[in-house]
Protein backbone atom coordinates (compact mmCIF):
# COMPACT_ATOMS: atom_id res chain seq x y z
CA UNK A 1 -4.24 -13.42 23.66
CA UNK A 2 -3.29 -12.65 20.46
CA UNK A 3 -1.68 -9.02 19.77
CA UNK A 4 -4.62 -7.87 17.70
CA UNK A 5 -7.15 -8.61 20.41
CA UNK A 6 -4.95 -7.05 23.20
CA UNK A 7 -4.90 -3.93 20.82
CA UNK A 8 -8.94 -3.61 20.61
CA UNK A 9 -9.13 -4.52 24.40
CA UNK A 10 -6.47 -1.96 25.74
CA UNK A 11 -3.77 -1.04 23.25
CA UNK A 12 -3.65 1.44 20.39
CA UNK A 13 -7.14 0.30 18.80
CA UNK A 14 -8.91 0.01 22.17
CA UNK A 15 -12.36 0.13 21.52
CA UNK A 16 -13.31 2.49 24.12
CA UNK A 17 -10.79 5.30 23.31
CA UNK A 18 -9.70 5.06 19.60
CA UNK A 19 -13.03 5.71 18.08
CA UNK A 20 -13.49 9.05 20.39
CA UNK A 21 -10.39 10.20 18.48
CA UNK A 22 -11.49 9.08 15.04
CA UNK A 23 -14.56 11.30 15.54
CA UNK A 24 -12.32 13.91 16.73
CA UNK A 25 -9.64 13.76 13.80
CA UNK A 26 -13.14 13.49 11.47
CA UNK A 27 -14.27 16.91 12.97
CA UNK A 28 -10.95 18.48 12.42
CA UNK A 29 -10.66 17.09 8.88
CA UNK A 30 -14.49 17.41 7.54
CA UNK A 31 -16.51 19.20 10.04
CA UNK A 32 -18.68 17.64 12.98
CA UNK A 33 -19.88 14.33 12.12
CA UNK A 34 -23.24 13.75 11.95
CA UNK A 35 -24.34 10.97 10.19
CA UNK A 36 -25.15 7.96 12.94
CA UNK A 37 -23.36 5.47 10.06
CA UNK A 38 -19.57 7.37 10.41
CA UNK A 39 -20.27 6.37 14.19
CA UNK A 40 -20.70 2.93 13.49
CA UNK A 41 -17.60 2.92 11.46
CA UNK A 42 -15.57 4.73 13.65
CA UNK A 43 -16.28 1.93 16.17
CA UNK A 44 -16.33 -1.05 13.70
CA UNK A 45 -13.57 -0.16 11.41
CA UNK A 46 -10.51 -1.74 13.52
CA UNK A 47 -12.83 -4.81 14.70
CA UNK A 48 -11.06 -7.28 12.52
CA UNK A 49 -7.60 -6.82 14.54
CA UNK A 50 -9.79 -9.43 16.98
CA UNK A 51 -7.50 -12.99 16.97
CA UNK A 52 -4.70 -11.29 14.66
CA UNK A 53 -1.33 -12.71 15.55
CA UNK A 54 0.37 -9.37 14.23
CA UNK A 55 -0.53 -5.93 13.36
CA UNK A 56 1.28 -4.91 10.14
CA UNK A 57 1.86 -8.54 8.77
CA UNK A 58 -0.08 -10.49 6.38
CA UNK A 59 -2.65 -11.67 8.99
CA UNK A 60 -2.91 -7.86 10.58
CA UNK A 61 -3.07 -6.29 7.39
CA UNK A 62 -6.66 -8.03 6.61
CA UNK A 63 -8.09 -6.52 9.33
CA UNK A 64 -10.57 -3.71 7.78
CA UNK A 65 -12.23 -6.96 6.08
CA UNK A 66 -14.41 -7.61 9.41
CA UNK A 67 -15.71 -3.95 9.80
CA UNK A 68 -16.43 -3.47 6.31
CA UNK A 69 -18.59 -6.33 5.75
CA UNK A 70 -20.55 -5.22 9.06
CA UNK A 71 -20.88 -1.77 7.64
CA UNK A 72 -21.78 -3.34 4.38
CA UNK A 73 -24.77 -5.65 5.89
CA UNK A 74 -26.00 -2.98 8.11
CA UNK A 75 -26.01 0.16 5.68
CA UNK A 76 -25.39 -0.76 1.88
CA UNK A 77 -28.64 -1.29 0.05
CA UNK A 78 -28.98 -4.06 -2.62
CA UNK A 79 -26.20 -3.49 -5.06
CA UNK A 80 -24.57 -0.61 -3.21
CA UNK A 81 -21.26 -1.08 -1.69
CA UNK A 82 -20.23 2.51 -0.27
CA UNK A 83 -20.05 1.78 2.98
CA UNK A 84 -17.87 -1.15 2.33
CA UNK A 85 -15.34 0.42 0.44
CA UNK A 86 -15.93 3.31 3.13
CA UNK A 87 -14.36 1.02 5.85
CA UNK A 88 -12.05 -1.49 3.79
CA UNK A 89 -10.09 1.28 2.19
CA UNK A 90 -9.73 3.05 5.69
CA UNK A 91 -6.42 1.02 5.00
CA UNK A 92 -3.86 2.31 2.72
CA UNK A 93 -2.91 -1.35 1.86
CA UNK A 94 -6.56 -2.30 0.91
CA UNK A 95 -6.45 0.69 -1.46
CA UNK A 96 -3.40 0.65 -2.97
CA UNK A 97 -4.37 -3.68 -3.55
CA UNK A 98 -7.49 -2.53 -5.01
CA UNK A 99 -6.23 0.30 -6.57
CA UNK A 100 -8.72 2.54 -5.46
CA UNK A 101 -8.45 5.68 -3.79
CA UNK A 102 -8.26 5.50 0.21
CA UNK A 103 -11.70 6.69 1.78
CA UNK A 104 -12.03 9.76 4.28
CA UNK A 105 -11.67 7.34 7.00
CA UNK A 106 -8.30 6.59 6.51
CA UNK A 107 -7.20 10.46 6.87
CA UNK A 108 -8.97 10.40 10.17
CA UNK A 109 -7.94 7.19 11.43
CA UNK A 110 -4.22 8.18 10.88
CA UNK A 111 -4.92 11.67 12.23
CA UNK A 112 -6.54 9.91 15.49
CA UNK A 113 -3.08 8.33 16.22
CA UNK A 114 -1.38 11.76 16.08
CA UNK A 115 -4.47 13.01 18.43
CA UNK A 116 -3.99 10.60 21.14
CA UNK A 117 -1.87 12.17 23.92
CA UNK A 118 1.52 10.24 24.46
CA UNK A 119 0.57 9.74 27.93
CA UNK A 120 -2.22 7.62 26.57
CA UNK A 121 -0.74 6.16 23.60
CA UNK A 122 2.55 4.92 24.75
CA UNK A 123 1.47 3.07 27.88
CA UNK A 124 -1.20 1.29 25.82
CA UNK A 125 1.24 0.07 23.31
CA UNK A 126 3.74 -0.72 25.49
CA UNK A 127 1.50 -3.04 27.45
CA UNK A 128 0.01 -4.73 24.42
CA UNK A 129 3.63 -5.18 23.20
CA UNK A 130 2.50 -3.39 19.90
CA UNK A 131 5.31 -1.17 20.13
CA UNK A 132 7.84 -3.93 19.63
CA UNK A 133 6.17 -4.40 15.98
CA UNK A 134 5.74 -0.79 15.20
CA UNK A 135 9.17 0.42 16.26
CA UNK A 136 10.31 -2.50 14.40
CA UNK A 137 8.71 -1.38 11.26
CA UNK A 138 9.91 2.08 11.55
CA UNK A 139 12.50 2.97 9.22
CA UNK A 140 12.86 -0.38 7.42
CA UNK A 141 10.90 0.78 4.18
CA UNK A 142 7.35 -0.52 4.75
CA UNK A 143 5.95 2.94 4.99
CA UNK A 144 7.31 5.08 2.37
CA UNK A 145 8.28 8.96 3.74
CA UNK A 146 10.91 11.24 4.98
CA UNK A 147 10.01 9.69 8.12
CA UNK A 148 11.71 6.58 7.04
CA UNK A 149 14.98 8.29 6.28
CA UNK A 150 14.70 9.95 9.77
CA UNK A 151 14.06 6.80 11.56
CA UNK A 152 16.90 5.18 9.88
CA UNK A 153 19.30 7.80 11.05
CA UNK A 154 17.91 7.40 14.75
CA UNK A 155 18.08 3.86 14.33
CA UNK A 156 21.99 3.66 13.31
CA UNK A 157 22.68 6.31 15.85
CA UNK A 158 21.27 4.26 18.64
CA UNK A 159 18.74 6.83 19.17
CA UNK A 160 15.37 5.22 18.57
CA UNK A 161 13.27 4.99 21.49
CA UNK A 162 9.81 5.04 22.38
CA UNK A 163 9.44 9.13 22.72
CA UNK A 164 11.36 10.02 19.73
CA UNK A 165 9.75 7.02 17.70
CA UNK A 166 6.44 8.61 18.76
CA UNK A 167 7.05 11.98 18.15
CA UNK A 168 8.26 11.15 14.38
CA UNK A 169 5.43 8.87 13.70
CA UNK A 170 2.72 11.37 15.00
CA UNK A 171 4.25 14.17 13.04
CA UNK A 172 4.19 12.04 10.06
CA UNK A 173 0.55 10.80 10.53
CA UNK A 174 -0.61 14.43 11.11
CA UNK A 175 1.36 15.87 7.96
CA UNK A 176 0.00 12.69 5.83
CA UNK A 177 -3.76 13.15 7.17
CA UNK A 178 -4.30 16.73 6.59
CA UNK A 179 -2.30 16.32 2.71
CA UNK A 180 -4.11 13.34 1.84
CA UNK A 181 -7.94 14.15 3.24
C-alpha cells in the first residue's frame, strides 16, 4: 500500500481524524464554520494523497488537485472557480506555483497539525512510515524558516528524535498559521 493511501486511512491525513482538527483550527482562526461547503473542504482537501508514493515529493505535491476538482464540480457555478482555488491553494506549493495567495484553508490545515495531540499524531505517522519523510525533510531547506536552522542544529548534535521534531514542527505550524491567516 502506498504511503499516501496509508496517510488517509490511518496516518497524518486520516479521513476520520484530520478533518475534525481542521474544523477546530478554522474555528480558532476564523470563527465557527457554518457553511456546509467548508465542511466538505475539510474532508476532501487531502483526498488526493490516495495512491501517492510520497507525501512531499513530486507526486505528493499534486495531492490538492483531486479535492479541488471535486469541490469545483460540487459547488462552483459555471465560470466560477472559488472552491477550486480555495481547495487547491490550501497547498503553499500550489499557491506559489500559480503566484496566488494561499487560501484560508491553508492556515487552518497547518494549525490542525499543531492542534493534533502528540499522543495521537506520532503513533499515526510512525505506523504509516510518514515520519521518516517528514523528519528527513526537516532542516534540509524544503521549508524555509527559523525552524530549518533549529532542525539542522538538532540533527548535527544527534538530537533529532520524533518528540523534539514534533515540538519544533508544531510550534512552527502554529506560529505560521496565526501570522498568515
